[in-house]
Structures are given as structure tokens and as C-alpha cells.
Protein backbone atom coordinates (compact mmCIF):
# COMPACT_ATOMS: atom_id res chain seq x y z
CA GLU A 1 30.74 -7.41 53.66
CA VAL A 2 34.41 -7.03 54.54
CA THR A 3 35.64 -8.87 57.63
CA ALA A 4 38.08 -6.95 59.85
CA GLY A 5 41.57 -8.47 59.89
CA THR A 6 40.95 -10.51 56.74
CA GLU A 7 43.23 -10.19 53.74
CA TYR A 8 41.71 -10.21 50.27
CA ALA A 9 43.53 -11.06 47.03
CA VAL A 10 43.09 -9.87 43.48
CA ASP A 11 44.45 -11.66 40.40
CA ILE A 12 45.73 -9.33 37.69
CA THR A 13 46.65 -10.41 34.17
CA ALA A 14 48.88 -8.05 32.24
CA THR A 15 47.95 -7.62 28.58
CA ALA A 16 51.02 -5.59 27.67
CA GLU A 17 54.55 -5.10 28.94
CA GLY A 18 55.14 -2.42 31.49
CA GLU A 19 54.19 -1.37 34.97
CA VAL A 20 50.80 -2.18 36.44
CA THR A 21 49.73 -0.14 39.47
CA VAL A 22 46.88 -1.34 41.65
CA GLU A 23 45.22 1.32 43.78
CA VAL A 24 42.44 0.91 46.34
CA THR A 25 40.88 4.23 47.29
CA ALA A 26 39.98 5.06 50.89
CA ASP A 27 36.64 3.67 52.05
CA ALA A 28 36.25 1.46 48.96
CA ALA A 29 35.16 -1.27 51.37
CA SER A 30 33.92 -1.27 54.94
CA ASP A 31 33.42 -3.81 57.71
CA ALA A 32 30.19 -4.53 59.61
CA ALA A 33 30.90 -1.65 62.02
CA GLY A 34 31.19 0.81 59.12
CA ASN A 35 34.97 1.21 59.36
CA GLY A 36 36.41 1.97 55.92
CA ASN A 37 39.70 0.79 54.53
CA ALA A 38 42.76 2.96 54.15
CA THR A 39 44.23 3.86 50.78
CA ALA A 40 46.57 1.20 49.37
CA SER A 41 48.75 1.05 46.28
CA ASP A 42 51.23 -1.43 44.85
CA SER A 43 53.10 -1.69 41.54
CA TYR A 44 54.28 -4.70 39.54
CA VAL A 45 56.46 -4.86 36.44
CA TYR A 46 55.51 -7.39 33.76
CA GLU A 47 57.29 -8.67 30.69
CA ILE A 48 55.32 -10.59 28.07
CA ILE A 49 57.16 -13.67 26.77
CA ASP A 50 55.38 -15.61 24.01
CA GLY A 51 52.02 -14.44 25.34
CA ILE A 52 52.75 -15.57 28.91
CA ASP A 53 52.86 -13.04 31.78
CA GLN A 54 56.06 -13.09 33.79
CA GLN A 55 56.53 -10.94 36.85
CA VAL A 56 60.12 -9.82 36.34
CA THR A 57 60.69 -8.94 40.00
CA GLN A 58 60.81 -12.61 41.03
CA ASP A 59 64.20 -14.31 41.13
CA VAL A 60 63.46 -17.81 39.85
CA ARG A 61 66.05 -20.23 38.39
CA LEU A 62 64.87 -23.02 36.13
CA PHE A 63 67.46 -25.35 34.55
CA PRO A 64 68.37 -27.12 32.33
CA ASN A 65 66.02 -25.70 29.77
CA PRO A 66 65.35 -27.54 27.48
CA SER A 67 65.45 -30.80 29.47
CA ASP A 68 64.75 -34.44 28.72
CA GLY A 69 64.65 -35.84 32.25
CA THR A 70 64.85 -33.54 35.25
CA LEU A 71 64.05 -29.88 35.84
CA ASN A 72 65.83 -28.05 38.67
CA ILE A 73 63.98 -25.16 40.29
CA GLU A 74 65.43 -22.59 42.71
CA LEU A 75 63.10 -20.00 44.23
CA PRO A 76 63.82 -16.95 46.42
CA GLY A 77 61.31 -18.14 49.05
CA GLU A 78 58.65 -20.71 49.78
CA SER A 79 56.23 -21.00 46.87
CA THR A 80 53.56 -23.19 45.35
CA VAL A 81 54.69 -24.57 42.01
CA ARG A 82 52.42 -25.78 39.22
CA ILE A 83 53.35 -27.39 35.93
CA LEU A 84 50.86 -26.73 33.13
CA THR A 85 50.61 -27.68 29.48
CA SER A 86 50.96 -24.88 26.94
CA THR A 87 47.15 -24.77 26.80
CA GLY A 88 46.86 -24.33 30.58
CA ALA A 89 45.89 -27.87 31.66
CA LEU A 90 47.24 -28.65 35.14
CA ILE A 91 49.76 -31.50 35.32
CA LEU A 92 51.25 -31.11 38.81
CA THR A 93 50.96 -28.94 41.93
CA LYS A 94 53.50 -28.90 44.77
CA ASP A 95 53.32 -26.65 47.85
CA SER A 96 56.08 -25.19 50.04
CA VAL A 97 58.86 -25.37 47.44
CA THR A 98 62.11 -23.39 47.76
CA SER A 99 64.24 -25.65 45.58
CA ASP A 100 63.46 -28.99 44.04
CA VAL A 101 64.19 -31.36 41.18
CA PHE A 102 61.15 -32.40 39.15
CA ASP A 103 61.14 -35.61 37.13
CA ILE A 104 59.67 -34.62 33.76
CA SER A 105 60.80 -37.74 31.88
CA ASN A 106 57.19 -38.94 31.55
CA LEU A 107 56.03 -35.72 29.83
CA GLU A 108 55.64 -35.67 26.06
CA GLN A 109 58.01 -33.46 24.08
CA GLY A 110 56.78 -29.88 23.91
CA VAL A 111 56.46 -26.53 25.65
CA TYR A 112 55.21 -26.36 29.24
CA ILE A 113 54.60 -23.63 31.80
CA LEU A 114 56.05 -23.55 35.30
CA GLN A 115 53.78 -21.34 37.41
CA VAL A 116 55.10 -19.95 40.71
CA HIS A 117 52.70 -18.61 43.37
CA ASN A 118 54.20 -16.76 46.36
CA ALA A 119 53.86 -13.59 48.43
CA GLN A 120 55.14 -11.48 45.49
CA GLY A 121 52.43 -12.75 43.16
CA ILE A 122 52.19 -15.24 40.33
CA ALA A 123 54.84 -15.73 37.65
CA ASN A 124 54.85 -18.02 34.62
CA PHE A 125 57.98 -19.47 33.07
CA LYS A 126 58.23 -21.44 29.84
CA PHE A 127 60.29 -24.63 29.67
CA ILE A 128 60.80 -27.20 26.94
CA LYS A 129 60.70 -30.98 27.34
CA LYS A 130 62.83 -32.52 24.60
């Protein structure tokens, strides 16, 4: 059952570079009163980098990369930031970030993923701890 006034989210994982269009047809869902949804459509452009999805439309700055101590992050708007190992294990989550400096000196050398969640979607960025 769909609740009127409630927003619903869908996670999409691109398997190839290019544009992904999400379309919801009219009356695909309805609320308790039988009111159907309107048609909706949105498009996202993805670029595959070393097997990691990256939504190109987000303006994210991550520097220095590689780094041995601190990682500076600048985001276009408030976002939730996660740092993951290259295998996807969660190391850190921080909410309401627009810019920040992360101390990564305690991480082992290797490749990590900075994951950004915001209103535009989810984007993954690779960084190297040296």
C-alpha cells in the first residue's frame, strides 16, 4: 500500500557506462483511496571507474589523492559521507557534510571508496591511502 504524501526511493546500480532512465508509469501504485500516481521519469549519467559506479553529475572534490594523513572533501551540498574498504566494508559514516577534513592516518595502505549520498543520488569515489 502506498501512503499519500510519502516519498519512496529506489537504488539503481549501473552495470555499464551511459545514461540510465528511470520511468514510473501512471497508476503503477495507488494509495488506500485508490488514487494512482502520475507518470514520472528521471535520467542519470554514469561512468564506470575500476568497477565502481560514479554519478558524473555530482561536483565532488577529494584531495590530496593519494594521501598519507588527511583527506579533504568538498561537496556541492549537504551529504552523508561513508568511507568503505575496497571490498565494501564500512569504516566510517558522517552525516550533514558539505566540506570536511578526514583523518585517514590510521588506515592501512590501500584503495578505499568514498561514498556520497545526497539528493542527487549516490556516488562512489576511489582514493588511495599511501
